[in-house]
Amino acid sequence: MKPQPSTKVDAQGFERIMREHNRMLFRTARAILRDDAEAEDALQEAYISVYRSIGSYRGESRLSTWLVRITVNESLMRLRKARRASNIIPMEGDERIQQAVAQAEMNQSSPEQPETAALRADARRILESKIDGLPDVFRTVFVLRAVEELSVEEVATALQIPEATVRTRFFRARGLLREALAKETDVALSNAFSFAGSRCDRIVDNVMARIAALS
């Protein structure tokens, strides 16, 4: 027998939830897994878990924070499986959420001259490389704080680490990036990790098809 969700969820309402949170949750999964396809798969599995357990959400934290936590757990589970397959020793304790990496992708909001576009592309590649080069302990915190602009409290709740740890890791991550990038550090951070409409549609369509199969 197929498992059933713990409470009735309106399909259109659930689709709205996905479309509202897709980009943030994809970025979160991508930060941990370092692979677009794996991040998409992890996010879809996380949504199925959300659908099945939506009745357990009591509103103690924001919905987005709850969704991030579920996505982090799913991504970390996949990361552990990959490590076991590669005979890599996992980190211990709260360090389970330290395997974060971010790849920055920036959308151009207006047409540019070829020379300017080339410079921006170069800056983007440098930014991607330097974020990838951050020590493991800082990466997920940086993505959630700098890119997604979650509060310290939200990040701490989502990653289940102390708020002081969030502040320390974020401060150090920014310092390392500033050392590496100087003025380029803050270029278009708000546009990093672009989330293409086709990816959003693909994730939503796949999850909705699986939800329909649960009925």
C-alpha atoms as a PDB file:
ATOM      1  CA  MET A   1       0.000   0.000   0.000  1.00  0.00           C
ATOM      2  CA  LYS A   2       1.267   3.445  -0.876  1.00  0.00           C
ATOM      3  CA  PRO A   3       1.907   5.764   2.089  1.00  0.00           C
ATOM      4  CA  GLN A   4      -0.658   8.523   2.439  1.00  0.00           C
ATOM      5  CA  PRO A   5      -0.094  12.107   3.551  1.00  0.00           C
ATOM      6  CA  SER A   6      -0.886  12.818   7.169  1.00  0.00           C
ATOM      7  CA  THR A   7      -3.470  15.431   6.271  1.00  0.00           C
ATOM      8  CA  LYS A   8      -5.369  16.527   3.201  1.00  0.00           C
ATOM      9  CA  VAL A   9      -3.468  19.123   1.180  1.00  0.00           C
ATOM     10  CA  ASP A  10      -4.974  21.153  -1.599  1.00  0.00           C
ATOM     11  CA  ALA A  11      -2.905  20.440  -4.715  1.00  0.00           C
ATOM     12  CA  GLN A  12      -3.039  24.000  -5.990  1.00  0.00           C
ATOM     13  CA  GLY A  13      -2.085  25.318  -2.573  1.00  0.00           C
ATOM     14  CA  PHE A  14       0.866  22.958  -2.401  1.00  0.00           C
ATOM     15  CA  GLU A  15       1.982  24.036  -5.861  1.00  0.00           C
ATOM     16  CA  ARG A  16       1.934  27.660  -4.694  1.00  0.00           C
ATOM     17  CA  ILE A  17       4.116  26.698  -1.721  1.00  0.00           C
ATOM     18  CA  MET A  18       6.615  25.035  -4.048  1.00  0.00           C
ATOM     19  CA  ARG A  19       6.807  27.926  -6.470  1.00  0.00           C
ATOM     20  CA  GLU A  20       7.238  30.411  -3.631  1.00  0.00           C
ATOM     21  CA  HIS A  21      10.104  28.487  -2.014  1.00  0.00           C
ATOM     22  CA  ASN A  22      11.689  26.652  -4.956  1.00  0.00           C
ATOM     23  CA  ARG A  23      14.656  28.920  -5.524  1.00  0.00           C
ATOM     24  CA  MET A  24      15.651  29.187  -1.879  1.00  0.00           C
ATOM     25  CA  LEU A  25      15.356  25.438  -1.294  1.00  0.00           C
ATOM     26  CA  PHE A  26      17.216  24.567  -4.494  1.00  0.00           C
ATOM     27  CA  ARG A  27      20.033  26.872  -3.456  1.00  0.00           C
ATOM     28  CA  THR A  28      20.119  25.173  -0.061  1.00  0.00           C
ATOM     29  CA  ALA A  29      20.323  21.685  -1.566  1.00  0.00           C
ATOM     30  CA  ARG A  30      22.859  22.818  -4.176  1.00  0.00           C
ATOM     31  CA  ALA A  31      25.027  24.351  -1.460  1.00  0.00           C
ATOM     32  CA  ILE A  32      25.306  20.963   0.226  1.00  0.00           C
ATOM     33  CA  LEU A  33      25.453  18.617  -2.773  1.00  0.00           C
ATOM     34  CA  ARG A  34      27.513  20.659  -5.270  1.00  0.00           C
ATOM     35  CA  ASP A  35      25.531  19.188  -8.160  1.00  0.00           C
ATOM     36  CA  ASP A  36      22.479  20.615  -9.932  1.00  0.00           C
ATOM     37  CA  ALA A  37      20.872  17.273 -10.757  1.00  0.00           C
ATOM     38  CA  GLU A  38      21.399  15.892  -7.255  1.00  0.00           C
ATOM     39  CA  ALA A  39      19.995  19.112  -5.785  1.00  0.00           C
ATOM     40  CA  GLU A  40      16.865  18.830  -7.940  1.00  0.00           C
ATOM     41  CA  ASP A  41      16.358  15.208  -6.879  1.00  0.00           C
ATOM     42  CA  ALA A  42      16.908  16.056  -3.227  1.00  0.00           C
ATOM     43  CA  LEU A  43      14.445  18.933  -3.411  1.00  0.00           C
ATOM     44  CA  GLN A  44      11.769  16.762  -4.988  1.00  0.00           C
ATOM     45  CA  GLU A  45      12.193  14.136  -2.279  1.00  0.00           C
ATOM     46  CA  ALA A  46      12.049  16.867   0.345  1.00  0.00           C
ATOM     47  CA  TYR A  47       8.757  18.117  -1.090  1.00  0.00           C
ATOM     48  CA  ILE A  48       7.297  14.620  -0.962  1.00  0.00           C
ATOM     49  CA  SER A  49       8.336  14.423   2.691  1.00  0.00           C
ATOM     50  CA  VAL A  50       6.692  17.787   3.281  1.00  0.00           C
ATOM     51  CA  TYR A  51       3.501  16.635   1.591  1.00  0.00           C
ATOM     52  CA  ARG A  52       3.372  13.489   3.672  1.00  0.00           C
ATOM     53  CA  SER A  53       4.103  15.233   6.960  1.00  0.00           C
ATOM     54  CA  ILE A  54       2.429  18.609   6.486  1.00  0.00           C
ATOM     55  CA  GLY A  55       0.149  17.841   9.403  1.00  0.00           C
ATOM     56  CA  SER A  56       3.149  17.891  11.751  1.00  0.00           C
ATOM     57  CA  TYR A  57       3.869  21.537  11.002  1.00  0.00           C
ATOM     58  CA  ARG A  58       2.642  23.465  14.036  1.00  0.00           C
ATOM     59  CA  GLY A  59       3.902  26.929  13.209  1.00  0.00           C
ATOM     60  CA  GLU A  60       6.619  27.065  15.894  1.00  0.00           C
ATOM     61  CA  SER A  61       8.912  28.478  13.188  1.00  0.00           C
ATOM     62  CA  ARG A  62       8.280  30.091   9.825  1.00  0.00           C
ATOM     63  CA  LEU A  63       7.170  27.742   7.083  1.00  0.00           C
ATOM     64  CA  SER A  64      10.274  28.615   5.056  1.00  0.00           C
ATOM     65  CA  THR A  65      12.512  27.643   7.980  1.00  0.00           C
ATOM     66  CA  TRP A  66      10.716  24.322   8.366  1.00  0.00           C
ATOM     67  CA  LEU A  67      11.106  23.648   4.638  1.00  0.00           C
ATOM     68  CA  VAL A  68      14.800  24.512   4.730  1.00  0.00           C
ATOM     69  CA  ARG A  69      15.343  22.082   7.601  1.00  0.00           C
ATOM     70  CA  ILE A  70      13.641  19.246   5.696  1.00  0.00           C
ATOM     71  CA  THR A  71      15.654  20.063   2.559  1.00  0.00           C
ATOM     72  CA  VAL A  72      18.894  20.144   4.546  1.00  0.00           C
ATOM     73  CA  ASN A  73      18.123  16.759   6.102  1.00  0.00           C
ATOM     74  CA  GLU A  74      17.353  15.188   2.727  1.00  0.00           C
ATOM     75  CA  SER A  75      20.489  16.663   1.171  1.00  0.00           C
ATOM     76  CA  LEU A  76      22.689  15.543   4.039  1.00  0.00           C
ATOM     77  CA  MET A  77      21.280  12.031   3.821  1.00  0.00           C
ATOM     78  CA  ARG A  78      22.291  11.928   0.158  1.00  0.00           C
ATOM     79  CA  LEU A  79      25.700  13.344   1.009  1.00  0.00           C
ATOM     80  CA  ARG A  80      26.274  10.653   3.635  1.00  0.00           C
ATOM     81  CA  LYS A  81      25.306   7.942   1.156  1.00  0.00           C
ATOM     82  CA  ALA A  82      27.744   9.353  -1.378  1.00  0.00           C
ATOM     83  CA  ARG A  83      30.478   9.472   1.246  1.00  0.00           C
ATOM     84  CA  ARG A  84      29.892   5.884   2.262  1.00  0.00           C
ATOM     85  CA  ALA A  85      30.081   4.861  -1.381  1.00  0.00           C
ATOM     86  CA  SER A  86      33.361   6.761  -1.694  1.00  0.00           C
ATOM     87  CA  ASN A  87      34.709   5.593   1.684  1.00  0.00           C
ATOM     88  CA  ILE A  88      34.863   9.170   2.949  1.00  0.00           C
ATOM     89  CA  ILE A  89      34.707   9.600   6.720  1.00  0.00           C
ATOM     90  CA  PRO A  90      31.739  11.827   7.709  1.00  0.00           C
ATOM     91  CA  MET A  91      32.026  14.777  10.055  1.00  0.00           C
ATOM     92  CA  GLU A  92      30.678  14.477  13.574  1.00  0.00           C
ATOM     93  CA  GLY A  93      27.986  16.163  15.640  1.00  0.00           C
ATOM     94  CA  ASP A  94      26.717  19.540  14.558  1.00  0.00           C
ATOM     95  CA  GLU A  95      29.337  19.584  11.814  1.00  0.00           C
ATOM     96  CA  ARG A  96      26.952  17.516   9.686  1.00  0.00           C
ATOM     97  CA  ILE A  97      25.757  20.712   8.032  1.00  0.00           C
ATOM     98  CA  GLN A  98      29.214  21.989   7.205  1.00  0.00           C
ATOM     99  CA  GLN A  99      29.455  20.392   3.754  1.00  0.00           C
ATOM    100  CA  ALA A 100      28.165  23.480   2.040  1.00  0.00           C
ATOM    101  CA  VAL A 101      29.320  24.883  -1.218  1.00  0.00           C
ATOM    102  CA  ALA A 102      27.828  27.574  -3.382  1.00  0.00           C
ATOM    103  CA  GLN A 103      28.012  28.230  -7.082  1.00  0.00           C
ATOM    104  CA  ALA A 104      27.049  31.805  -8.006  1.00  0.00           C
ATOM    105  CA  GLU A 105      25.110  32.428 -11.188  1.00  0.00           C
ATOM    106  CA  MET A 106      24.013  35.978 -11.978  1.00  0.00           C
ATOM    107  CA  ASN A 107      21.229  37.117 -14.278  1.00  0.00           C
ATOM    108  CA  GLN A 108      21.661  40.372 -16.149  1.00  0.00           C
ATOM    109  CA  SER A 109      18.653  42.601 -15.562  1.00  0.00           C
ATOM    110  CA  SER A 110      19.259  44.846 -18.573  1.00  0.00           C
ATOM    111  CA  PRO A 111      21.084  44.701 -21.931  1.00  0.00           C
ATOM    112  CA  GLU A 112      24.794  45.450 -21.766  1.00  0.00           C
ATOM    113  CA  GLN A 113      27.576  46.211 -24.177  1.00  0.00           C
ATOM    114  CA  PRO A 114      29.667  43.157 -25.144  1.00  0.00           C
ATOM    115  CA  GLU A 115      32.689  44.462 -23.231  1.00  0.00           C
ATOM    116  CA  THR A 116      30.638  45.002 -20.065  1.00  0.00           C
ATOM    117  CA  ALA A 117      28.982  41.622 -20.419  1.00  0.00           C
ATOM    118  CA  ALA A 118      32.380  39.966 -20.748  1.00  0.00           C
ATOM    119  CA  LEU A 119      33.654  41.711 -17.632  1.00  0.00           C
ATOM    120  CA  ARG A 120      30.573  40.639 -15.690  1.00  0.00           C
ATOM    121  CA  ALA A 121      31.007  37.063 -16.884  1.00  0.00           C
ATOM    122  CA  ASP A 122      34.604  37.088 -15.701  1.00  0.00           C
ATOM    123  CA  ALA A 123      33.585  38.532 -12.353  1.00  0.00           C
ATOM    124  CA  ARG A 124      30.901  35.856 -12.029  1.00  0.00           C
ATOM    125  CA  ARG A 125      33.399  33.078 -12.678  1.00  0.00           C
ATOM    126  CA  ILE A 126      35.765  34.544 -10.091  1.00  0.00           C
ATOM    127  CA  LEU A 127      32.948  34.821  -7.560  1.00  0.00           C
ATOM    128  CA  GLU A 128      31.881  31.225  -8.213  1.00  0.00           C
ATOM    129  CA  SER A 129      35.428  30.003  -7.781  1.00  0.00           C
ATOM    130  CA  LYS A 130      36.035  31.899  -4.550  1.00  0.00           C
ATOM    131  CA  ILE A 131      32.744  30.777  -2.978  1.00  0.00           C
ATOM    132  CA  ASP A 132      33.590  27.206  -3.974  1.00  0.00           C
ATOM    133  CA  GLY A 133      36.923  27.743  -2.244  1.00  0.00           C
ATOM    134  CA  LEU A 134      35.423  28.650   1.117  1.00  0.00           C
ATOM    135  CA  PRO A 135      36.195  26.131   3.875  1.00  0.00           C
ATOM    136  CA  ASP A 136      33.403  23.601   4.307  1.00  0.00           C
ATOM    137  CA  VAL A 137      32.420  24.952   7.708  1.00  0.00           C
ATOM    138  CA  PHE A 138      31.277  28.318   6.319  1.00  0.00           C
ATOM    139  CA  ARG A 139      29.506  27.622   3.029  1.00  0.00           C
ATOM    140  CA  THR A 140      25.888  26.789   3.837  1.00  0.00           C
ATOM    141  CA  VAL A 141      25.700  29.601   6.374  1.00  0.00           C
ATOM    142  CA  PHE A 142      26.992  32.036   3.759  1.00  0.00           C
ATOM    143  CA  VAL A 143      24.451  30.949   1.151  1.00  0.00           C
ATOM    144  CA  LEU A 144      21.501  31.217   3.514  1.00  0.00           C
ATOM    145  CA  ARG A 145      22.582  34.532   5.045  1.00  0.00           C
ATOM    146  CA  ALA A 146      24.124  36.443   2.111  1.00  0.00           C
ATOM    147  CA  VAL A 147      22.234  35.026  -0.846  1.00  0.00           C
ATOM    148  CA  GLU A 148      18.864  34.130   0.648  1.00  0.00           C
ATOM    149  CA  GLU A 149      19.021  36.861   3.333  1.00  0.00           C
ATOM    150  CA  LEU A 150      17.636  34.656   6.088  1.00  0.00           C
ATOM    151  CA  SER A 151      17.985  36.041   9.583  1.00  0.00           C
ATOM    152  CA  VAL A 152      20.532  34.652  12.044  1.00  0.00           C
ATOM    153  CA  GLU A 153      17.708  33.067  14.007  1.00  0.00           C
ATOM    154  CA  GLU A 154      16.242  31.428  10.887  1.00  0.00           C
ATOM    155  CA  VAL A 155      19.588  30.008   9.812  1.00  0.00           C
ATOM    156  CA  ALA A 156      20.299  28.706  13.300  1.00  0.00           C
ATOM    157  CA  THR A 157      16.888  27.048  13.443  1.00  0.00           C
ATOM    158  CA  ALA A 158      17.153  25.571   9.960  1.00  0.00           C
ATOM    159  CA  LEU A 159      20.665  24.195  10.473  1.00  0.00           C
ATOM    160  CA  GLN A 160      20.224  23.376  14.171  1.00  0.00           C
ATOM    161  CA  ILE A 161      23.315  25.227  15.314  1.00  0.00           C
ATOM    162  CA  PRO A 162      23.684  28.095  17.838  1.00  0.00           C
ATOM    163  CA  GLU A 163      23.041  31.641  16.665  1.00  0.00           C
ATOM    164  CA  ALA A 164      26.524  32.619  17.816  1.00  0.00           C
ATOM    165  CA  THR A 165      27.943  29.956  15.503  1.00  0.00           C
ATOM    166  CA  VAL A 166      25.949  31.355  12.584  1.00  0.00           C
ATOM    167  CA  ARG A 167      27.299  34.839  13.243  1.00  0.00           C
ATOM    168  CA  THR A 168      30.887  33.630  13.570  1.00  0.00           C
ATOM    169  CA  ARG A 169      30.811  31.504  10.419  1.00  0.00           C
ATOM    170  CA  PHE A 170      29.125  34.184   8.357  1.00  0.00           C
ATOM    171  CA  PHE A 171      31.550  36.880   9.519  1.00  0.00           C
ATOM    172  CA  ARG A 172      34.538  34.703   8.720  1.00  0.00           C
ATOM    173  CA  ALA A 173      33.137  33.672   5.335  1.00  0.00           C
ATOM    174  CA  ARG A 174      32.643  37.286   4.314  1.00  0.00           C
ATOM    175  CA  GLY A 175      36.123  38.140   5.493  1.00  0.00           C
ATOM    176  CA  LEU A 176      37.665  35.385   3.419  1.00  0.00           C
ATOM    177  CA  LEU A 177      35.709  36.440   0.335  1.00  0.00           C
ATOM    178  CA  ARG A 178      36.665  40.078   0.785  1.00  0.00           C
ATOM    179  CA  GLU A 179      40.298  39.095   1.027  1.00  0.00           C
ATOM    180  CA  ALA A 180      39.994  37.125  -2.215  1.00  0.00           C
ATOM    181  CA  LEU A 181      37.718  39.398  -4.195  1.00  0.00           C
ATOM    182  CA  ALA A 182      38.179  42.855  -2.701  1.00  0.00           C
ATOM    183  CA  LYS A 183      35.499  45.105  -4.206  1.00  0.00           C
ATOM    184  CA  GLU A 184      34.061  42.295  -6.362  1.00  0.00           C
ATOM    185  CA  THR A 185      32.812  40.432  -3.272  1.00  0.00           C
ATOM    186  CA  ASP A 186      29.502  42.246  -3.118  1.00  0.00           C
ATOM    187  CA  VAL A 187      28.822  42.481  -6.869  1.00  0.00           C
ATOM    188  CA  ALA A 188      25.288  41.312  -7.559  1.00  0.00           C
ATOM    189  CA  LEU A 189      25.028  38.896  -4.620  1.00  0.00           C
ATOM    190  CA  SER A 190      21.271  39.375  -4.756  1.00  0.00           C
ATOM    191  CA  ASN A 191      21.287  37.811  -8.232  1.00  0.00           C
ATOM    192  CA  ALA A 192      23.528  34.877  -7.362  1.00  0.00           C
ATOM    193  CA  PHE A 193      22.211  31.355  -7.879  1.00  0.00           C
ATOM    194  CA  SER A 194      19.679  32.233 -10.532  1.00  0.00           C
ATOM    195  CA  PHE A 195      16.755  29.856 -10.658  1.00  0.00           C
ATOM    196  CA  ALA A 196      15.582  29.365 -14.223  1.00  0.00           C
ATOM    197  CA  GLY A 197      11.866  29.125 -14.868  1.00  0.00           C
ATOM    198  CA  SER A 198      12.321  25.785 -16.617  1.00  0.00           C
ATOM    199  CA  ARG A 199      13.918  24.284 -13.510  1.00  0.00           C
ATOM    200  CA  CYS A 200      11.119  25.628 -11.320  1.00  0.00           C
ATOM    201  CA  ASP A 201       8.500  24.155 -13.662  1.00  0.00           C
ATOM    202  CA  ARG A 202      10.303  20.819 -13.860  1.00  0.00           C
ATOM    203  CA  ILE A 203      10.492  20.421 -10.093  1.00  0.00           C
ATOM    204  CA  VAL A 204       6.862  21.432  -9.610  1.00  0.00           C
ATOM    205  CA  ASP A 205       5.622  19.143 -12.402  1.00  0.00           C
ATOM    206  CA  ASN A 206       7.552  16.143 -11.106  1.00  0.00           C
ATOM    207  CA  VAL A 207       6.383  16.624  -7.533  1.00  0.00           C
ATOM    208  CA  MET A 208       2.760  17.204  -8.537  1.00  0.00           C
ATOM    209  CA  ALA A 209       2.821  14.005 -10.606  1.00  0.00           C
ATOM    210  CA  ARG A 210       4.108  12.052  -7.636  1.00  0.00           C
ATOM    211  CA  ILE A 211       1.521  13.630  -5.348  1.00  0.00           C
ATOM    212  CA  ALA A 212      -1.216  12.627  -7.788  1.00  0.00           C
ATOM    213  CA  ALA A 213       0.086   9.053  -7.644  1.00  0.00           C
ATOM    214  CA  LEU A 214      -0.264   9.077  -3.855  1.00  0.00           C
ATOM    215  CA  SER A 215      -4.034   9.594  -4.087  1.00  0.00           C
END
